[in-house]
Structure formats: structure tokens, C-alpha cells
Amino acid sequence: GAPSSCRAVSCPRSWARARYLSAAMAHVAADTVEDSGDTLDTLFEISQLLETGLDQETLAILVALCEQGVNPEALAAVVKELRREAAALRVAVGELDAATDPPVFA
């Protein structure tokens, strides 16, 4: 163990080591964020090539949910259902607009 004159709380060497480890962890975290950004950029490019219709923000949210353990198949089902609901709402609003538009005289 450490000599009694150099406890973890009061030893300058321990403080220096803690600062070094903290800086190293911050560097690794920054690299991870940068790598994550590169990965998301690549995924977005693939998404566009496959014509998924997902924007970058939605794709990032879906990836984050998958990383948190959400089932990707369940997410895909939710996205498809939301798209169906949005299309149905657009149709309903279009029908409502058509019913309330004033008549056009030629």
C-alpha cells in the first residue's frame, strides 16, 4: 500500500495521476463523439441511397435508441406506423380543405 505520508486524498502524485486520467478519458470521449459523428454521417448516406426518407435527426434518434437496447424491428414498425398515420392525416386534412374551399367560377 501507499506510505502513510502519501494517502490517495493528500498525495500530489495521486492528484497528478487523477488529472492525467481525467484528461485521457476526456480525449477518448472526444474521439468517440467524433467517431460517432462519422458513423452517423455514413449511416445517413446509406439511408439516402436506400431512399428511407429519414432525416439526420430522426436517424440519430433511432440509432441512439438502438444503442440503448430498443429492438430495431420494433422501431422500424413504429416508424412505418407513424408514416401511415401521417399519410392518413394528410388525406383527411386535404379532404377537409376541399370541402371548405369556396367554389371557383370559370
PDB file of N, CA and C in Angstrom:
ATOM      1  N   GLY A   1       0.802  -1.182   0.000  1.00  0.00           N
ATOM      2  CA  GLY A   1       0.000   0.000   0.000  1.00  0.00           C
ATOM      3  C   GLY A   1       0.844   1.243   0.000  1.00  0.00           C
ATOM      4  N   ALA A   2       0.186   2.363  -0.041  1.00  0.00           N
ATOM      5  CA  ALA A   2       0.873   3.657  -0.045  1.00  0.00           C
ATOM      6  C   ALA A   2       1.369   3.963   1.350  1.00  0.00           C
ATOM      7  N   PRO A   3       2.532   4.601   1.456  1.00  0.00           N
ATOM      8  CA  PRO A   3       3.016   5.001   2.773  1.00  0.00           C
ATOM      9  C   PRO A   3       2.015   5.944   3.424  1.00  0.00           C
ATOM     10  N   SER A   4       2.032   5.966   4.744  1.00  0.00           N
ATOM     11  CA  SER A   4       1.075   6.800   5.468  1.00  0.00           C
ATOM     12  C   SER A   4       1.219   8.278   5.108  1.00  0.00           C
ATOM     13  N   SER A   5       2.386   8.691   4.648  1.00  0.00           N
ATOM     14  CA  SER A   5       2.576  10.092   4.289  1.00  0.00           C
ATOM     15  C   SER A   5       2.001  10.412   2.904  1.00  0.00           C
ATOM     16  N   CYS A   6       1.534   9.379   2.166  1.00  0.00           N
ATOM     17  CA  CYS A   6       1.033   9.603   0.806  1.00  0.00           C
ATOM     18  C   CYS A   6      -0.290   8.863   0.629  1.00  0.00           C
ATOM     19  N   ARG A   7      -1.308   9.354   1.210  1.00  0.00           N
ATOM     20  CA  ARG A   7      -2.652   8.782   1.060  1.00  0.00           C
ATOM     21  C   ARG A   7      -3.261   9.308  -0.247  1.00  0.00           C
ATOM     22  N   ALA A   8      -4.226   8.592  -0.775  1.00  0.00           N
ATOM     23  CA  ALA A   8      -4.839   8.958  -2.062  1.00  0.00           C
ATOM     24  C   ALA A   8      -5.425  10.359  -2.031  1.00  0.00           C
ATOM     25  N   VAL A   9      -5.913  10.782  -0.890  1.00  0.00           N
ATOM     26  CA  VAL A   9      -6.571  12.084  -0.816  1.00  0.00           C
ATOM     27  C   VAL A   9      -5.562  13.224  -0.778  1.00  0.00           C
ATOM     28  N   SER A  10      -4.401  12.999  -0.155  1.00  0.00           N
ATOM     29  CA  SER A  10      -3.496  14.119   0.057  1.00  0.00           C
ATOM     30  C   SER A  10      -2.206  14.053  -0.740  1.00  0.00           C
ATOM     31  N   CYS A  11      -1.975  13.030  -1.512  1.00  0.00           N
ATOM     32  CA  CYS A  11      -0.704  12.876  -2.227  1.00  0.00           C
ATOM     33  C   CYS A  11      -0.721  13.619  -3.553  1.00  0.00           C
ATOM     34  N   PRO A  12       0.206  14.544  -3.752  1.00  0.00           N
ATOM     35  CA  PRO A  12       0.270  15.273  -5.017  1.00  0.00           C
ATOM     36  C   PRO A  12       0.434  14.340  -6.219  1.00  0.00           C
ATOM     37  N   ARG A  13       1.162  13.200  -6.032  1.00  0.00           N
ATOM     38  CA  ARG A  13       1.302  12.251  -7.142  1.00  0.00           C
ATOM     39  C   ARG A  13      -0.058  11.669  -7.514  1.00  0.00           C
ATOM     40  N   SER A  14      -0.909  11.404  -6.538  1.00  0.00           N
ATOM     41  CA  SER A  14      -2.245  10.879  -6.815  1.00  0.00           C
ATOM     42  C   SER A  14      -3.080  11.913  -7.550  1.00  0.00           C
ATOM     43  N   TRP A  15      -2.932  13.183  -7.162  1.00  0.00           N
ATOM     44  CA  TRP A  15      -3.679  14.239  -7.849  1.00  0.00           C
ATOM     45  C   TRP A  15      -3.230  14.342  -9.298  1.00  0.00           C
ATOM     46  N   ALA A  16      -1.932  14.278  -9.520  1.00  0.00           N
ATOM     47  CA  ALA A  16      -1.404  14.353 -10.881  1.00  0.00           C
ATOM     48  C   ALA A  16      -1.914  13.168 -11.702  1.00  0.00           C
ATOM     49  N   ARG A  17      -1.924  11.989 -11.109  1.00  0.00           N
ATOM     50  CA  ARG A  17      -2.412  10.795 -11.794  1.00  0.00           C
ATOM     51  C   ARG A  17      -3.898  10.944 -12.127  1.00  0.00           C
ATOM     52  N   ALA A  18      -4.666  11.492 -11.183  1.00  0.00           N
ATOM     53  CA  ALA A  18      -6.100  11.685 -11.410  1.00  0.00           C
ATOM     54  C   ALA A  18      -6.334  12.694 -12.531  1.00  0.00           C
ATOM     55  N   ARG A  19      -5.542  13.779 -12.540  1.00  0.00           N
ATOM     56  CA  ARG A  19      -5.677  14.772 -13.615  1.00  0.00           C
ATOM     57  C   ARG A  19      -5.322  14.154 -14.960  1.00  0.00           C
ATOM     58  N   TYR A  20      -4.260  13.345 -14.990  1.00  0.00           N
ATOM     59  CA  TYR A  20      -3.841  12.683 -16.226  1.00  0.00           C
ATOM     60  C   TYR A  20      -4.944  11.749 -16.722  1.00  0.00           C
ATOM     61  N   LEU A  21      -5.506  10.933 -15.816  1.00  0.00           N
ATOM     62  CA  LEU A  21      -6.561  10.002 -16.203  1.00  0.00           C
ATOM     63  C   LEU A  21      -7.802  10.755 -16.678  1.00  0.00           C
ATOM     64  N   SER A  22      -8.126  11.846 -16.002  1.00  0.00           N
ATOM     65  CA  SER A  22      -9.275  12.650 -16.401  1.00  0.00           C
ATOM     66  C   SER A  22      -9.077  13.222 -17.805  1.00  0.00           C
ATOM     67  N   ALA A  23      -7.896  13.739 -18.072  1.00  0.00           N
ATOM     68  CA  ALA A  23      -7.598  14.290 -19.392  1.00  0.00           C
ATOM     69  C   ALA A  23      -7.636  13.190 -20.454  1.00  0.00           C
ATOM     70  N   ALA A  24      -7.098  12.025 -20.121  1.00  0.00           N
ATOM     71  CA  ALA A  24      -7.094  10.907 -21.064  1.00  0.00           C
ATOM     72  C   ALA A  24      -8.522  10.459 -21.372  1.00  0.00           C
ATOM     73  N   MET A  25      -9.369  10.389 -20.345  1.00  0.00           N
ATOM     74  CA  MET A  25     -10.754   9.976 -20.556  1.00  0.00           C
ATOM     75  C   MET A  25     -11.494  11.021 -21.396  1.00  0.00           C
ATOM     76  N   ALA A  26     -11.218  12.295 -21.185  1.00  0.00           N
ATOM     77  CA  ALA A  26     -11.859  13.347 -21.969  1.00  0.00           C
ATOM     78  C   ALA A  26     -11.439  13.238 -23.438  1.00  0.00           C
ATOM     79  N   HIS A  27     -10.162  12.920 -23.675  1.00  0.00           N
ATOM     80  CA  HIS A  27      -9.661  12.752 -25.037  1.00  0.00           C
ATOM     81  C   HIS A  27     -10.355  11.566 -25.709  1.00  0.00           C
ATOM     82  N   VAL A  28     -10.477  10.444 -25.007  1.00  0.00           N
ATOM     83  CA  VAL A  28     -11.151   9.266 -25.545  1.00  0.00           C
ATOM     84  C   VAL A  28     -12.615   9.595 -25.828  1.00  0.00           C
ATOM     85  N   ALA A  29     -13.270  10.310 -24.927  1.00  0.00           N
ATOM     86  CA  ALA A  29     -14.674  10.683 -25.121  1.00  0.00           C
ATOM     87  C   ALA A  29     -14.823  11.563 -26.358  1.00  0.00           C
ATOM     88  N   ALA A  30     -13.913  12.514 -26.542  1.00  0.00           N
ATOM     89  CA  ALA A  30     -13.968  13.395 -27.713  1.00  0.00           C
ATOM     90  C   ALA A  30     -13.790  12.589 -28.994  1.00  0.00           C
ATOM     91  N   ASP A  31     -12.846  11.633 -28.978  1.00  0.00           N
ATOM     92  CA  ASP A  31     -12.647  10.767 -30.140  1.00  0.00           C
ATOM     93  C   ASP A  31     -13.889   9.942 -30.420  1.00  0.00           C
ATOM     94  N   THR A  32     -14.542   9.460 -29.370  1.00  0.00           N
ATOM     95  CA  THR A  32     -15.744   8.654 -29.522  1.00  0.00           C
ATOM     96  C   THR A  32     -16.865   9.477 -30.139  1.00  0.00           C
ATOM     97  N   VAL A  33     -17.026  10.719 -29.676  1.00  0.00           N
ATOM     98  CA  VAL A  33     -18.050  11.600 -30.231  1.00  0.00           C
ATOM     99  C   VAL A  33     -17.755  11.866 -31.700  1.00  0.00           C
ATOM    100  N   GLU A  34     -16.495  12.122 -32.022  1.00  0.00           N
ATOM    101  CA  GLU A  34     -16.118  12.374 -33.412  1.00  0.00           C
ATOM    102  C   GLU A  34     -16.379  11.136 -34.258  1.00  0.00           C
ATOM    103  N   ASP A  35     -15.999   9.949 -33.756  1.00  0.00           N
ATOM    104  CA  ASP A  35     -16.249   8.705 -34.474  1.00  0.00           C
ATOM    105  C   ASP A  35     -17.742   8.476 -34.638  1.00  0.00           C
ATOM    106  N   SER A  36     -18.526   8.803 -33.597  1.00  0.00           N
ATOM    107  CA  SER A  36     -19.973   8.651 -33.675  1.00  0.00           C
ATOM    108  C   SER A  36     -20.539   9.541 -34.770  1.00  0.00           C
ATOM    109  N   GLY A  37     -20.022  10.763 -34.855  1.00  0.00           N
ATOM    110  CA  GLY A  37     -20.472  11.671 -35.903  1.00  0.00           C
ATOM    111  C   GLY A  37     -20.149  11.128 -37.287  1.00  0.00           C
ATOM    112  N   ASP A  38     -18.938  10.581 -37.446  1.00  0.00           N
ATOM    113  CA  ASP A  38     -18.549   9.981 -38.723  1.00  0.00           C
ATOM    114  C   ASP A  38     -19.451   8.805 -39.052  1.00  0.00           C
ATOM    115  N   THR A  39     -19.746   7.983 -38.054  1.00  0.00           N
ATOM    116  CA  THR A  39     -20.598   6.823 -38.255  1.00  0.00           C
ATOM    117  C   THR A  39     -22.004   7.260 -38.651  1.00  0.00           C
ATOM    118  N   LEU A  40     -22.535   8.273 -37.959  1.00  0.00           N
ATOM    119  CA  LEU A  40     -23.873   8.765 -38.303  1.00  0.00           C
ATOM    120  C   LEU A  40     -23.900   9.362 -39.704  1.00  0.00           C
ATOM    121  N   ASP A  41     -22.832  10.050 -40.082  1.00  0.00           N
ATOM    122  CA  ASP A  41     -22.764  10.599 -41.443  1.00  0.00           C
ATOM    123  C   ASP A  41     -22.824   9.469 -42.473  1.00  0.00           C
ATOM    124  N   THR A  42     -22.080   8.403 -42.212  1.00  0.00           N
ATOM    125  CA  THR A  42     -22.071   7.256 -43.118  1.00  0.00           C
ATOM    126  C   THR A  42     -23.444   6.586 -43.160  1.00  0.00           C
ATOM    127  N   LEU A  43     -24.053   6.407 -41.983  1.00  0.00           N
ATOM    128  CA  LEU A  43     -25.385   5.808 -41.941  1.00  0.00           C
ATOM    129  C   LEU A  43     -26.397   6.665 -42.681  1.00  0.00           C
ATOM    130  N   PHE A  44     -26.272   7.985 -42.565  1.00  0.00           N
ATOM    131  CA  PHE A  44     -27.191   8.874 -43.262  1.00  0.00           C
ATOM    132  C   PHE A  44     -27.015   8.758 -44.775  1.00  0.00           C
ATOM    133  N   GLU A  45     -25.765   8.661 -45.224  1.00  0.00           N
ATOM    134  CA  GLU A  45     -25.520   8.484 -46.661  1.00  0.00           C
ATOM    135  C   GLU A  45     -26.165   7.204 -47.164  1.00  0.00           C
ATOM    136  N   ILE A  46     -26.002   6.118 -46.410  1.00  0.00           N
ATOM    137  CA  ILE A  46     -26.616   4.838 -46.781  1.00  0.00           C
ATOM    138  C   ILE A  46     -28.137   4.976 -46.775  1.00  0.00           C
ATOM    139  N   SER A  47     -28.659   5.649 -45.756  1.00  0.00           N
ATOM    140  CA  SER A  47     -30.097   5.867 -45.645  1.00  0.00           C
ATOM    141  C   SER A  47     -30.635   6.600 -46.872  1.00  0.00           C
ATOM    142  N   GLN A  48     -29.896   7.608 -47.334  1.00  0.00           N
ATOM    143  CA  GLN A  48     -30.319   8.350 -48.527  1.00  0.00           C
ATOM    144  C   GLN A  48     -30.269   7.466 -49.768  1.00  0.00           C
ATOM    145  N   LEU A  49     -29.209   6.670 -49.897  1.00  0.00           N
ATOM    146  CA  LEU A  49     -29.094   5.778 -51.053  1.00  0.00           C
ATOM    147  C   LEU A  49     -30.234   4.765 -51.096  1.00  0.00           C
ATOM    148  N   LEU A  50     -30.671   4.330 -49.916  1.00  0.00           N
ATOM    149  CA  LEU A  50     -31.775   3.371 -49.829  1.00  0.00           C
ATOM    150  C   LEU A  50     -33.142   4.047 -49.866  1.00  0.00           C
ATOM    151  N   GLU A  51     -33.118   5.392 -49.942  1.00  0.00           N
ATOM    152  CA  GLU A  51     -34.349   6.183 -50.019  1.00  0.00           C
ATOM    153  C   GLU A  51     -35.304   5.873 -48.859  1.00  0.00           C
ATOM    154  N   THR A  52     -34.764   5.902 -47.639  1.00  0.00           N
ATOM    155  CA  THR A  52     -35.581   5.628 -46.454  1.00  0.00           C
ATOM    156  C   THR A  52     -36.477   6.798 -46.087  1.00  0.00           C
ATOM    157  N   GLY A  53     -36.110   8.007 -46.503  1.00  0.00           N
ATOM    158  CA  GLY A  53     -36.883   9.182 -46.150  1.00  0.00           C
ATOM    159  C   GLY A  53     -36.599   9.690 -44.745  1.00  0.00           C
ATOM    160  N   LEU A  54     -35.604   9.135 -44.081  1.00  0.00           N
ATOM    161  CA  LEU A  54     -35.250   9.572 -42.724  1.00  0.00           C
ATOM    162  C   LEU A  54     -34.306  10.765 -42.804  1.00  0.00           C
ATOM    163  N   ASP A  55     -34.582  11.795 -41.999  1.00  0.00           N
ATOM    164  CA  ASP A  55     -33.638  12.909 -41.925  1.00  0.00           C
ATOM    165  C   ASP A  55     -32.549  12.551 -40.912  1.00  0.00           C
ATOM    166  N   GLN A  56     -31.524  13.394 -40.841  1.00  0.00           N
ATOM    167  CA  GLN A  56     -30.378  13.094 -39.967  1.00  0.00           C
ATOM    168  C   GLN A  56     -30.790  13.018 -38.501  1.00  0.00           C
ATOM    169  N   GLU A  57     -31.655  13.917 -38.067  1.00  0.00           N
ATOM    170  CA  GLU A  57     -32.061  13.940 -36.668  1.00  0.00           C
ATOM    171  C   GLU A  57     -32.822  12.668 -36.301  1.00  0.00           C
ATOM    172  N   THR A  58     -33.750  12.264 -37.154  1.00  0.00           N
ATOM    173  CA  THR A  58     -34.528  11.052 -36.890  1.00  0.00           C
ATOM    174  C   THR A  58     -33.616   9.839 -36.875  1.00  0.00           C
ATOM    175  N   LEU A  59     -32.706   9.765 -37.832  1.00  0.00           N
ATOM    176  CA  LEU A  59     -31.771   8.648 -37.880  1.00  0.00           C
ATOM    177  C   LEU A  59     -30.923   8.595 -36.617  1.00  0.00           C
ATOM    178  N   ALA A  60     -30.439   9.745 -36.164  1.00  0.00           N
ATOM    179  CA  ALA A  60     -29.625   9.802 -34.942  1.00  0.00           C
ATOM    180  C   ALA A  60     -30.429   9.319 -33.736  1.00  0.00           C
ATOM    181  N   ILE A  61     -31.701   9.711 -33.665  1.00  0.00           N
ATOM    182  CA  ILE A  61     -32.553   9.275 -32.558  1.00  0.00           C
ATOM    183  C   ILE A  61     -32.753   7.767 -32.610  1.00  0.00           C
ATOM    184  N   LEU A  62     -33.008   7.230 -33.794  1.00  0.00           N
ATOM    185  CA  LEU A  62     -33.213   5.791 -33.936  1.00  0.00           C
ATOM    186  C   LEU A  62     -31.954   5.012 -33.560  1.00  0.00           C
ATOM    187  N   VAL A  63     -30.805   5.504 -33.989  1.00  0.00           N
ATOM    188  CA  VAL A  63     -29.539   4.840 -33.646  1.00  0.00           C
ATOM    189  C   VAL A  63     -29.319   4.884 -32.132  1.00  0.00           C
ATOM    190  N   ALA A  64     -29.577   6.049 -31.521  1.00  0.00           N
ATOM    191  CA  ALA A  64     -29.405   6.175 -30.068  1.00  0.00           C
ATOM    192  C   ALA A  64     -30.331   5.214 -29.330  1.00  0.00           C
ATOM    193  N   LEU A  65     -31.560   5.074 -29.790  1.00  0.00           N
ATOM    194  CA  LEU A  65     -32.491   4.144 -29.151  1.00  0.00           C
ATOM    195  C   LEU A  65     -32.002   2.708 -29.284  1.00  0.00           C
ATOM    196  N   CYS A  66     -31.478   2.361 -30.450  1.00  0.00           N
ATOM    197  CA  CYS A  66     -30.915   1.014 -30.637  1.00  0.00           C
ATOM    198  C   CYS A  66     -29.736   0.786 -29.701  1.00  0.00           C
ATOM    199  N   GLU A  67     -28.884   1.806 -29.564  1.00  0.00           N
ATOM    200  CA  GLU A  67     -27.730   1.692 -28.664  1.00  0.00           C
ATOM    201  C   GLU A  67     -28.170   1.533 -27.212  1.00  0.00           C
ATOM    202  N   GLN A  68     -29.370   2.014 -26.885  1.00  0.00           N
ATOM    203  CA  GLN A  68     -29.894   1.874 -25.524  1.00  0.00           C
ATOM    204  C   GLN A  68     -30.629   0.550 -25.340  1.00  0.00           C
ATOM    205  N   GLY A  69     -30.663  -0.264 -26.394  1.00  0.00           N
ATOM    206  CA  GLY A  69     -31.238  -1.598 -26.264  1.00  0.00           C
ATOM    207  C   GLY A  69     -32.634  -1.775 -26.832  1.00  0.00           C
ATOM    208  N   VAL A  70     -33.179  -0.735 -27.476  1.00  0.00           N
ATOM    209  CA  VAL A  70     -34.504  -0.866 -28.083  1.00  0.00           C
ATOM    210  C   VAL A  70     -34.386  -1.766 -29.309  1.00  0.00           C
ATOM    211  N   ASN A  71     -35.360  -2.640 -29.479  1.00  0.00           N
ATOM    212  CA  ASN A  71     -35.374  -3.587 -30.589  1.00  0.00           C
ATOM    213  C   ASN A  71     -35.512  -2.835 -31.918  1.00  0.00           C
ATOM    214  N   PRO A  72     -34.555  -3.001 -32.854  1.00  0.00           N
ATOM    215  CA  PRO A  72     -34.614  -2.290 -34.134  1.00  0.00           C
ATOM    216  C   PRO A  72     -35.861  -2.633 -34.951  1.00  0.00           C
ATOM    217  N   GLU A  73     -36.321  -3.889 -34.868  1.00  0.00           N
ATOM    218  CA  GLU A  73     -37.528  -4.275 -35.611  1.00  0.00           C
ATOM    219  C   GLU A  73     -38.752  -3.545 -35.062  1.00  0.00           C
ATOM    220  N   ALA A  74     -38.796  -3.377 -33.745  1.00  0.00           N
ATOM    221  CA  ALA A  74     -39.900  -2.644 -33.133  1.00  0.00           C
ATOM    222  C   ALA A  74     -39.854  -1.180 -33.555  1.00  0.00           C
ATOM    223  N   LEU A  75     -38.651  -0.589 -33.613  1.00  0.00           N
ATOM    224  CA  LEU A  75     -38.522   0.797 -34.066  1.00  0.00           C
ATOM    225  C   LEU A  75     -38.981   0.946 -35.514  1.00  0.00           C
ATOM    226  N   ALA A  76     -38.585   0.012 -36.353  1.00  0.00           N
ATOM    227  CA  ALA A  76     -38.996   0.063 -37.757  1.00  0.00           C
ATOM    228  C   ALA A  76     -40.515  -0.005 -37.864  1.00  0.00           C
ATOM    229  N   ALA A  77     -41.135  -0.851 -37.066  1.00  0.00           N
ATOM    230  CA  ALA A  77     -42.594  -0.969 -37.084  1.00  0.00           C
ATOM    231  C   ALA A  77     -43.244   0.345 -36.649  1.00  0.00           C
ATOM    232  N   VAL A  78     -42.677   0.986 -35.640  1.00  0.00           N
ATOM    233  CA  VAL A  78     -43.217   2.265 -35.165  1.00  0.00           C
ATOM    234  C   VAL A  78     -43.075   3.336 -36.248  1.00  0.00           C
ATOM    235  N   VAL A  79     -41.924   3.396 -36.898  1.00  0.00           N
ATOM    236  CA  VAL A  79     -41.707   4.382 -37.964  1.00  0.00           C
ATOM    237  C   VAL A  79     -42.719   4.167 -39.087  1.00  0.00           C
ATOM    238  N   LYS A  80     -42.906   2.908 -39.487  1.00  0.00           N
ATOM    239  CA  LYS A  80     -43.877   2.619 -40.546  1.00  0.00           C
ATOM    240  C   LYS A  80     -45.287   3.027 -40.133  1.00  0.00           C
ATOM    241  N   GLU A  81     -45.663   2.732 -38.902  1.00  0.00           N
ATOM    242  CA  GLU A  81     -46.996   3.089 -38.417  1.00  0.00           C
ATOM    243  C   GLU A  81     -47.172   4.604 -38.366  1.00  0.00           C
ATOM    244  N   LEU A  82     -46.150   5.312 -37.885  1.00  0.00           N
ATOM    245  CA  LEU A  82     -46.228   6.779 -37.852  1.00  0.00           C
ATOM    246  C   LEU A  82     -46.370   7.358 -39.259  1.00  0.00           C
ATOM    247  N   ARG A  83     -45.692   6.770 -40.217  1.00  0.00           N
ATOM    248  CA  ARG A  83     -45.805   7.242 -41.598  1.00  0.00           C
ATOM    249  C   ARG A  83     -47.219   7.004 -42.129  1.00  0.00           C
ATOM    250  N   ARG A  84     -47.788   5.830 -41.823  1.00  0.00           N
ATOM    251  CA  ARG A  84     -49.162   5.544 -42.256  1.00  0.00           C
ATOM    252  C   ARG A  84     -50.138   6.550 -41.641  1.00  0.00           C
ATOM    253  N   GLU A  85     -49.963   6.812 -40.346  1.00  0.00           N
ATOM    254  CA  GLU A  85     -50.836   7.763 -39.658  1.00  0.00           C
ATOM    255  C   GLU A  85     -50.693   9.169 -40.237  1.00  0.00           C
ATOM    256  N   ALA A  86     -49.468   9.574 -40.525  1.00  0.00           N
ATOM    257  CA  ALA A  86     -49.241  10.905 -41.097  1.00  0.00           C
ATOM    258  C   ALA A  86     -49.892  11.014 -42.476  1.00  0.00           C
ATOM    259  N   ALA A  87     -49.780   9.950 -43.285  1.00  0.00           N
ATOM    260  CA  ALA A  87     -50.398   9.966 -44.613  1.00  0.00           C
ATOM    261  C   ALA A  87     -51.919  10.051 -44.495  1.00  0.00           C
ATOM    262  N   ALA A  88     -52.482   9.306 -43.544  1.00  0.00           N
ATOM    263  CA  ALA A  88     -53.929   9.344 -43.340  1.00  0.00           C
ATOM    264  C   ALA A  88     -54.379  10.739 -42.899  1.00  0.00           C
ATOM    265  N   LEU A  89     -53.608  11.379 -42.044  1.00  0.00           N
ATOM    266  CA  LEU A  89     -53.943  12.740 -41.613  1.00  0.00           C
ATOM    267  C   LEU A  89     -53.866  13.729 -42.770  1.00  0.00           C
ATOM    268  N   ARG A  90     -52.851  13.568 -43.614  1.00  0.00           N
ATOM    269  CA  ARG A  90     -52.732  14.466 -44.772  1.00  0.00           C
ATOM    270  C   ARG A  90     -53.941  14.315 -45.690  1.00  0.00           C
ATOM    271  N   VAL A  91     -54.385  13.073 -45.895  1.00  0.00           N
ATOM    272  CA  VAL A  91     -55.559  12.831 -46.735  1.00  0.00           C
ATOM    273  C   VAL A  91     -56.787  13.462 -46.093  1.00  0.00           C
ATOM    274  N   ALA A  92     -56.953  13.249 -44.778  1.00  0.00           N
ATOM    275  CA  ALA A  92     -58.120  13.797 -44.081  1.00  0.00           C
ATOM    276  C   ALA A  92     -58.121  15.320 -44.128  1.00  0.00           C
ATOM    277  N   VAL A  93     -56.987  15.929 -43.933  1.00  0.00           N
ATOM    278  CA  VAL A  93     -56.895  17.393 -43.987  1.00  0.00           C
ATOM    279  C   VAL A  93     -57.164  17.875 -45.404  1.00  0.00           C
ATOM    280  N   GLY A  94     -56.664  17.170 -46.393  1.00  0.00           N
ATOM    281  CA  GLY A  94     -56.910  17.528 -47.788  1.00  0.00           C
ATOM    282  C   GLY A  94     -58.390  17.446 -48.124  1.00  0.00           C
ATOM    283  N   GLU A  95     -59.051  16.405 -47.625  1.00  0.00           N
ATOM    284  CA  GLU A  95     -60.496  16.271 -47.867  1.00  0.00           C
ATOM    285  C   GLU A  95     -61.253  17.383 -47.154  1.00  0.00           C
ATOM    286  N   LEU A  96     -60.832  17.723 -45.961  1.00  0.00           N
ATOM    287  CA  LEU A  96     -61.467  18.794 -45.207  1.00  0.00           C
ATOM    288  C   LEU A  96     -61.291  20.122 -45.926  1.00  0.00           C
ATOM    289  N   ASP A  97     -60.071  20.374 -46.399  1.00  0.00           N
ATOM    290  CA  ASP A  97     -59.806  21.617 -47.144  1.00  0.00           C
ATOM    291  C   ASP A  97     -60.658  21.687 -48.398  1.00  0.00           C
ATOM    292  N   ALA A  98     -60.769  20.571 -49.104  1.00  0.00           N
ATOM    293  CA  ALA A  98     -61.541  20.533 -50.356  1.00  0.00           C
ATOM    294  C   ALA A  98     -63.024  20.799 -50.075  1.00  0.00           C
ATOM    295  N   ALA A  99     -63.507  20.327 -48.941  1.00  0.00           N
ATOM    296  CA  ALA A  99     -64.917  20.503 -48.603  1.00  0.00           C
ATOM    297  C   ALA A  99     -65.224  21.934 -48.175  1.00  0.00           C
ATOM    298  N   THR A 100     -64.224  22.667 -47.671  1.00  0.00           N
ATOM    299  CA  THR A 100     -64.473  24.017 -47.166  1.00  0.00           C
ATOM    300  C   THR A 100     -63.996  25.115 -48.099  1.00  0.00           C
ATOM    301  N   ASP A 101     -63.339  24.748 -49.214  1.00  0.00           N
ATOM    302  CA  ASP A 101     -62.882  25.752 -50.174  1.00  0.00           C
ATOM    303  C   ASP A 101     -64.085  26.400 -50.854  1.00  0.00           C
ATOM    304  N   PRO A 102     -64.025  27.703 -51.074  1.00  0.00           N
ATOM    305  CA  PRO A 102     -65.128  28.361 -51.797  1.00  0.00           C
ATOM    306  C   PRO A 102     -65.162  27.887 -53.242  1.00  0.00           C
ATOM    307  N   PRO A 103     -66.292  27.889 -53.867  1.00  0.00           N
ATOM    308  CA  PRO A 103     -66.378  27.435 -55.255  1.00  0.00           C
ATOM    309  C   PRO A 103     -65.592  28.364 -56.181  1.00  0.00           C
ATOM    310  N   VAL A 104     -65.011  27.773 -57.188  1.00  0.00           N
ATOM    311  CA  VAL A 104     -64.249  28.549 -58.177  1.00  0.00           C
ATOM    312  C   VAL A 104     -65.101  28.669 -59.430  1.00  0.00           C
ATOM    313  N   PHE A 105     -65.299  29.887 -59.906  1.00  0.00           N
ATOM    314  CA  PHE A 105     -66.088  30.126 -61.111  1.00  0.00           C
ATOM    315  C   PHE A 105     -65.145  30.451 -62.255  1.00  0.00           C
ATOM    316  N   ALA A 106     -65.355  29.772 -63.349  1.00  0.00           N
ATOM    317  CA  ALA A 106     -64.506  29.984 -64.518  1.00  0.00           C
ATOM    318  C   ALA A 106     -64.999  31.110 -65.374  1.00  0.00           C
TER     319      ALA A 106
END
